[in-house]
Amino acid sequence: MVRCARRAARVRARSARATGRDQFRFLVFNDPSWDVGSFNFDADIARAEEADHDTINALDPNLKPFIDRGGKLIQYHGWNDPQISPGNSTQYHQRVLQALGGAAKVDASYRLFMAPGMAHCGGGEGPNQFDMLAALEQWVEQGKAPDRVVAQGRTSDGLERTRPLCPYPQVAEYKGSGSTDDAANFVCK
């Protein structure tokens, strides 16, 4: 079991490095033979930012034009993402709130959901299967903003577990009774 966990960690680490390496190979330098050994920290970070043209780094927190047109946005991120720091998403959320005047002006159009135990776009130790598209459709078509999205997954013991994913910065808190494997026994606070 430990050997499998170590192997999985090595595979995730290689995958994370490959993502960054390919960004520099194909988007920054347009050179498939580029190697990380030639990385120049002083010059190449700036070069990557210039080459990005807002294709990878969506950093502009001004969602006002989108919100003014009635747009709805659900963002989610796994707390155990080994490739992109979950702090990037929470920081972006905070910047949007600051840029637009606080949660009261943003919550009707933009929500961030952080998934405990989830890795990059899925997988990981926590409940990591959920339907954000259905939540977005309900929000857009019926006007019901998602106050929680139920995620499911299996524990290492093979048990089925569900948990609510809560709009950030809320977290799922156990009510104190009932199974800890059942999302019904948690409240977003």
C-alpha atoms as a PDB file:
ATOM      1  CA  MET A   1       0.000   0.000   0.000  1.00  0.00           C
ATOM      2  CA  VAL A   2       2.789   2.431   0.912  1.00  0.00           C
ATOM      3  CA  ARG A   3       4.649   1.551  -2.292  1.00  0.00           C
ATOM      4  CA  CYS A   4       1.533   2.413  -4.358  1.00  0.00           C
ATOM      5  CA  ALA A   5       1.102   5.733  -2.553  1.00  0.00           C
ATOM      6  CA  ARG A   6       4.752   6.659  -3.179  1.00  0.00           C
ATOM      7  CA  ARG A   7       4.472   5.726  -6.850  1.00  0.00           C
ATOM      8  CA  ALA A   8       1.293   7.803  -7.213  1.00  0.00           C
ATOM      9  CA  ALA A   9       3.055  10.776  -5.594  1.00  0.00           C
ATOM     10  CA  ARG A  10       5.972  10.468  -8.052  1.00  0.00           C
ATOM     11  CA  VAL A  11       3.564  10.302 -11.007  1.00  0.00           C
ATOM     12  CA  ARG A  12       1.729  13.435  -9.766  1.00  0.00           C
ATOM     13  CA  ALA A  13       5.033  15.282  -9.316  1.00  0.00           C
ATOM     14  CA  ARG A  14       6.190  14.355 -12.847  1.00  0.00           C
ATOM     15  CA  SER A  15       2.846  15.445 -14.237  1.00  0.00           C
ATOM     16  CA  ALA A  16       3.066  18.784 -12.421  1.00  0.00           C
ATOM     17  CA  ARG A  17       6.568  19.401 -13.763  1.00  0.00           C
ATOM     18  CA  ALA A  18       5.512  18.380 -17.277  1.00  0.00           C
ATOM     19  CA  THR A  19       2.683  20.937 -17.255  1.00  0.00           C
ATOM     20  CA  GLY A  20       5.063  23.775 -16.431  1.00  0.00           C
ATOM     21  CA  ARG A  21       7.758  22.508 -18.785  1.00  0.00           C
ATOM     22  CA  ASP A  22       5.303  22.329 -21.690  1.00  0.00           C
ATOM     23  CA  GLN A  23       4.124  25.867 -21.002  1.00  0.00           C
ATOM     24  CA  PHE A  24       7.679  27.108 -21.472  1.00  0.00           C
ATOM     25  CA  ARG A  25       8.416  24.801 -24.426  1.00  0.00           C
ATOM     26  CA  PHE A  26       5.368  25.580 -26.491  1.00  0.00           C
ATOM     27  CA  LEU A  27       3.945  28.896 -25.292  1.00  0.00           C
ATOM     28  CA  VAL A  28       6.912  30.886 -24.062  1.00  0.00           C
ATOM     29  CA  PHE A  29       9.796  29.797 -26.308  1.00  0.00           C
ATOM     30  CA  ASN A  30       7.926  27.992 -29.103  1.00  0.00           C
ATOM     31  CA  ASP A  31      10.698  25.385 -28.951  1.00  0.00           C
ATOM     32  CA  PRO A  32       9.761  21.724 -28.322  1.00  0.00           C
ATOM     33  CA  SER A  33      13.387  20.917 -27.458  1.00  0.00           C
ATOM     34  CA  TRP A  34      13.602  23.572 -24.704  1.00  0.00           C
ATOM     35  CA  ASP A  35      14.821  22.037 -21.449  1.00  0.00           C
ATOM     36  CA  VAL A  36      14.392  23.234 -17.894  1.00  0.00           C
ATOM     37  CA  GLY A  37      18.195  23.181 -17.510  1.00  0.00           C
ATOM     38  CA  SER A  38      18.371  26.345 -19.603  1.00  0.00           C
ATOM     39  CA  PHE A  39      15.845  28.181 -17.436  1.00  0.00           C
ATOM     40  CA  ASN A  40      17.039  31.686 -16.507  1.00  0.00           C
ATOM     41  CA  PHE A  41      15.037  32.769 -13.486  1.00  0.00           C
ATOM     42  CA  ASP A  42      15.823  36.475 -13.895  1.00  0.00           C
ATOM     43  CA  ALA A  43      14.738  36.688 -17.528  1.00  0.00           C
ATOM     44  CA  ASP A  44      12.380  33.776 -18.192  1.00  0.00           C
ATOM     45  CA  ILE A  45       9.696  34.584 -15.622  1.00  0.00           C
ATOM     46  CA  ALA A  46       9.194  37.997 -17.229  1.00  0.00           C
ATOM     47  CA  ARG A  47       9.302  36.408 -20.676  1.00  0.00           C
ATOM     48  CA  ALA A  48       6.610  33.901 -19.645  1.00  0.00           C
ATOM     49  CA  GLU A  49       4.366  36.697 -18.384  1.00  0.00           C
ATOM     50  CA  GLU A  50       4.795  38.630 -21.636  1.00  0.00           C
ATOM     51  CA  ALA A  51       4.170  35.540 -23.782  1.00  0.00           C
ATOM     52  CA  ASP A  52       1.052  34.555 -21.862  1.00  0.00           C
ATOM     53  CA  HIS A  53      -1.288  37.201 -23.340  1.00  0.00           C
ATOM     54  CA  ASP A  54      -3.837  36.254 -20.648  1.00  0.00           C
ATOM     55  CA  THR A  55      -4.235  32.736 -22.062  1.00  0.00           C
ATOM     56  CA  ILE A  56      -3.041  30.828 -18.987  1.00  0.00           C
ATOM     57  CA  ASN A  57      -2.927  33.394 -16.211  1.00  0.00           C
ATOM     58  CA  ALA A  58      -6.400  34.816 -15.892  1.00  0.00           C
ATOM     59  CA  LEU A  59      -5.453  37.385 -13.270  1.00  0.00           C
ATOM     60  CA  ASP A  60      -7.761  40.335 -13.959  1.00  0.00           C
ATOM     61  CA  PRO A  61     -10.140  40.523 -10.976  1.00  0.00           C
ATOM     62  CA  ASN A  62     -12.494  42.959 -12.701  1.00  0.00           C
ATOM     63  CA  LEU A  63     -15.476  40.720 -13.436  1.00  0.00           C
ATOM     64  CA  LYS A  64     -17.800  43.721 -13.512  1.00  0.00           C
ATOM     65  CA  PRO A  65     -18.466  43.640 -17.306  1.00  0.00           C
ATOM     66  CA  PHE A  66     -19.263  39.921 -17.059  1.00  0.00           C
ATOM     67  CA  ILE A  67     -21.475  40.407 -14.003  1.00  0.00           C
ATOM     68  CA  ASP A  68     -23.218  43.431 -15.541  1.00  0.00           C
ATOM     69  CA  ARG A  69     -24.267  41.229 -18.476  1.00  0.00           C
ATOM     70  CA  GLY A  70     -25.858  38.756 -16.027  1.00  0.00           C
ATOM     71  CA  GLY A  71     -22.973  36.258 -16.095  1.00  0.00           C
ATOM     72  CA  LYS A  72     -22.689  33.501 -13.501  1.00  0.00           C
ATOM     73  CA  LEU A  73     -19.325  31.941 -12.679  1.00  0.00           C
ATOM     74  CA  ILE A  74     -18.508  28.903 -10.569  1.00  0.00           C
ATOM     75  CA  GLN A  75     -14.841  28.257  -9.891  1.00  0.00           C
ATOM     76  CA  TYR A  76     -13.590  25.186  -8.037  1.00  0.00           C
ATOM     77  CA  HIS A  77     -10.213  23.954  -6.904  1.00  0.00           C
ATOM     78  CA  GLY A  78      -8.872  21.016  -4.908  1.00  0.00           C
ATOM     79  CA  TRP A  79      -7.153  21.800  -1.622  1.00  0.00           C
ATOM     80  CA  ASN A  80      -4.633  19.010  -2.404  1.00  0.00           C
ATOM     81  CA  ASP A  81      -3.808  20.114  -5.951  1.00  0.00           C
ATOM     82  CA  PRO A  82      -0.098  19.325  -6.528  1.00  0.00           C
ATOM     83  CA  GLN A  83       0.100  21.272  -9.810  1.00  0.00           C
ATOM     84  CA  ILE A  84      -1.527  24.630  -9.145  1.00  0.00           C
ATOM     85  CA  SER A  85      -1.525  26.016  -5.644  1.00  0.00           C
ATOM     86  CA  PRO A  86      -5.022  26.229  -4.168  1.00  0.00           C
ATOM     87  CA  GLY A  87      -3.868  29.571  -2.786  1.00  0.00           C
ATOM     88  CA  ASN A  88      -4.010  30.914  -6.347  1.00  0.00           C
ATOM     89  CA  SER A  89      -7.777  30.416  -6.412  1.00  0.00           C
ATOM     90  CA  THR A  90      -8.441  31.776  -2.937  1.00  0.00           C
ATOM     91  CA  GLN A  91      -6.229  34.779  -3.687  1.00  0.00           C
ATOM     92  CA  TYR A  92      -8.046  35.449  -6.964  1.00  0.00           C
ATOM     93  CA  HIS A  93     -11.392  35.219  -5.165  1.00  0.00           C
ATOM     94  CA  GLN A  94     -10.194  37.764  -2.617  1.00  0.00           C
ATOM     95  CA  ARG A  95      -8.983  40.082  -5.384  1.00  0.00           C
ATOM     96  CA  VAL A  96     -12.365  39.905  -7.126  1.00  0.00           C
ATOM     97  CA  LEU A  97     -14.104  40.813  -3.865  1.00  0.00           C
ATOM     98  CA  GLN A  98     -11.735  43.751  -3.343  1.00  0.00           C
ATOM     99  CA  ALA A  99     -12.065  44.971  -6.938  1.00  0.00           C
ATOM    100  CA  LEU A 100     -15.864  44.866  -6.935  1.00  0.00           C
ATOM    101  CA  GLY A 101     -16.675  46.100  -3.448  1.00  0.00           C
ATOM    102  CA  GLY A 102     -17.102  42.962  -1.356  1.00  0.00           C
ATOM    103  CA  ALA A 103     -19.048  39.732  -1.143  1.00  0.00           C
ATOM    104  CA  ALA A 104     -22.451  41.435  -1.129  1.00  0.00           C
ATOM    105  CA  LYS A 105     -21.802  42.699  -4.673  1.00  0.00           C
ATOM    106  CA  VAL A 106     -20.189  39.497  -5.965  1.00  0.00           C
ATOM    107  CA  ASP A 107     -21.990  36.500  -4.436  1.00  0.00           C
ATOM    108  CA  ALA A 108     -24.980  36.790  -6.761  1.00  0.00           C
ATOM    109  CA  SER A 109     -22.684  36.144  -9.747  1.00  0.00           C
ATOM    110  CA  TYR A 110     -19.454  34.409  -8.698  1.00  0.00           C
ATOM    111  CA  ARG A 111     -18.756  31.579  -6.263  1.00  0.00           C
ATOM    112  CA  LEU A 112     -15.589  29.650  -5.459  1.00  0.00           C
ATOM    113  CA  PHE A 113     -15.820  26.088  -4.127  1.00  0.00           C
ATOM    114  CA  MET A 114     -12.767  24.475  -2.550  1.00  0.00           C
ATOM    115  CA  ALA A 115     -12.757  20.656  -2.465  1.00  0.00           C
ATOM    116  CA  PRO A 116     -10.984  19.151   0.567  1.00  0.00           C
ATOM    117  CA  GLY A 117      -8.659  16.295  -0.348  1.00  0.00           C
ATOM    118  CA  MET A 118      -9.122  16.744  -4.108  1.00  0.00           C
ATOM    119  CA  ALA A 119      -6.041  16.815  -6.329  1.00  0.00           C
ATOM    120  CA  HIS A 120      -5.710  18.553  -9.717  1.00  0.00           C
ATOM    121  CA  CYS A 121      -9.129  18.563 -11.437  1.00  0.00           C
ATOM    122  CA  GLY A 122     -10.179  15.427  -9.567  1.00  0.00           C
ATOM    123  CA  GLY A 123      -8.725  12.436  -7.782  1.00  0.00           C
ATOM    124  CA  GLY A 124      -7.182  12.615  -4.368  1.00  0.00           C
ATOM    125  CA  GLU A 125      -8.198  11.375  -0.946  1.00  0.00           C
ATOM    126  CA  GLY A 126     -11.368  13.423  -0.460  1.00  0.00           C
ATOM    127  CA  PRO A 127     -14.783  13.285  -2.112  1.00  0.00           C
ATOM    128  CA  ASN A 128     -13.910  14.574  -5.568  1.00  0.00           C
ATOM    129  CA  GLN A 129     -16.839  13.718  -7.818  1.00  0.00           C
ATOM    130  CA  PHE A 130     -19.474  16.420  -8.203  1.00  0.00           C
ATOM    131  CA  ASP A 131     -21.541  18.135 -10.862  1.00  0.00           C
ATOM    132  CA  MET A 132     -20.701  21.830 -11.031  1.00  0.00           C
ATOM    133  CA  LEU A 133     -22.308  22.105 -14.450  1.00  0.00           C
ATOM    134  CA  ALA A 134     -25.702  21.144 -12.996  1.00  0.00           C
ATOM    135  CA  ALA A 135     -25.200  23.727 -10.233  1.00  0.00           C
ATOM    136  CA  LEU A 136     -24.343  26.373 -12.848  1.00  0.00           C
ATOM    137  CA  GLU A 137     -27.323  25.437 -15.019  1.00  0.00           C
ATOM    138  CA  GLN A 138     -29.676  25.711 -12.039  1.00  0.00           C
ATOM    139  CA  TRP A 139     -28.183  29.102 -11.189  1.00  0.00           C
ATOM    140  CA  VAL A 140     -28.476  30.459 -14.729  1.00  0.00           C
ATOM    141  CA  GLU A 141     -31.807  28.911 -15.686  1.00  0.00           C
ATOM    142  CA  GLN A 142     -33.679  28.981 -12.365  1.00  0.00           C
ATOM    143  CA  GLY A 143     -31.907  31.794 -10.509  1.00  0.00           C
ATOM    144  CA  LYS A 144     -30.888  29.535  -7.589  1.00  0.00           C
ATOM    145  CA  ALA A 145     -27.299  30.249  -6.556  1.00  0.00           C
ATOM    146  CA  PRO A 146     -25.483  27.179  -5.227  1.00  0.00           C
ATOM    147  CA  ASP A 147     -25.151  27.328  -1.424  1.00  0.00           C
ATOM    148  CA  ARG A 148     -23.565  23.878  -1.390  1.00  0.00           C
ATOM    149  CA  VAL A 149     -22.640  21.199  -3.894  1.00  0.00           C
ATOM    150  CA  VAL A 150     -22.506  17.607  -2.734  1.00  0.00           C
ATOM    151  CA  ALA A 151     -19.314  15.735  -3.595  1.00  0.00           C
ATOM    152  CA  GLN A 152     -18.855  12.018  -3.292  1.00  0.00           C
ATOM    153  CA  GLY A 153     -15.977   9.581  -3.259  1.00  0.00           C
ATOM    154  CA  ARG A 154     -14.594   6.480  -1.653  1.00  0.00           C
ATOM    155  CA  THR A 155     -12.364   6.358   1.391  1.00  0.00           C
ATOM    156  CA  SER A 156      -9.163   4.290   1.401  1.00  0.00           C
ATOM    157  CA  ASP A 157     -11.256   1.615   3.164  1.00  0.00           C
ATOM    158  CA  GLY A 158     -13.688   1.554   0.221  1.00  0.00           C
ATOM    159  CA  LEU A 159     -16.527   3.318   2.061  1.00  0.00           C
ATOM    160  CA  GLU A 160     -18.756   5.729   0.150  1.00  0.00           C
ATOM    161  CA  ARG A 161     -18.455   9.236   1.570  1.00  0.00           C
ATOM    162  CA  THR A 162     -20.284  12.433   0.672  1.00  0.00           C
ATOM    163  CA  ARG A 163     -19.480  15.960   1.779  1.00  0.00           C
ATOM    164  CA  PRO A 164     -20.882  19.357   0.933  1.00  0.00           C
ATOM    165  CA  LEU A 165     -18.582  21.725  -0.898  1.00  0.00           C
ATOM    166  CA  CYS A 166     -19.317  25.190   0.432  1.00  0.00           C
ATOM    167  CA  PRO A 167     -18.946  28.621  -1.173  1.00  0.00           C
ATOM    168  CA  TYR A 168     -15.557  29.939  -0.084  1.00  0.00           C
ATOM    169  CA  PRO A 169     -14.668  31.029   2.594  1.00  0.00           C
ATOM    170  CA  GLN A 170     -17.297  28.792   4.219  1.00  0.00           C
ATOM    171  CA  VAL A 171     -16.364  25.230   5.169  1.00  0.00           C
ATOM    172  CA  ALA A 172     -18.393  22.112   5.907  1.00  0.00           C
ATOM    173  CA  GLU A 173     -18.915  21.719   9.647  1.00  0.00           C
ATOM    174  CA  TYR A 174     -20.164  18.477  11.227  1.00  0.00           C
ATOM    175  CA  LYS A 175     -23.515  18.968  12.995  1.00  0.00           C
ATOM    176  CA  GLY A 176     -22.490  16.604  15.789  1.00  0.00           C
ATOM    177  CA  SER A 177     -24.709  13.627  15.073  1.00  0.00           C
ATOM    178  CA  GLY A 178     -25.139  11.060  12.337  1.00  0.00           C
ATOM    179  CA  SER A 179     -22.566   9.486  10.078  1.00  0.00           C
ATOM    180  CA  THR A 180     -19.512  11.547   9.199  1.00  0.00           C
ATOM    181  CA  ASP A 181     -19.681   9.878   5.775  1.00  0.00           C
ATOM    182  CA  ASP A 182     -23.007  11.579   4.931  1.00  0.00           C
ATOM    183  CA  ALA A 183     -23.163  15.149   3.583  1.00  0.00           C
ATOM    184  CA  ALA A 184     -26.597  15.579   5.213  1.00  0.00           C
ATOM    185  CA  ASN A 185     -24.859  15.740   8.589  1.00  0.00           C
ATOM    186  CA  PHE A 186     -22.795  18.816   7.671  1.00  0.00           C
ATOM    187  CA  VAL A 187     -23.657  22.470   7.379  1.00  0.00           C
ATOM    188  CA  CYS A 188     -21.772  25.210   5.513  1.00  0.00           C
ATOM    189  CA  LYS A 189     -20.454  27.867   7.888  1.00  0.00           C
END
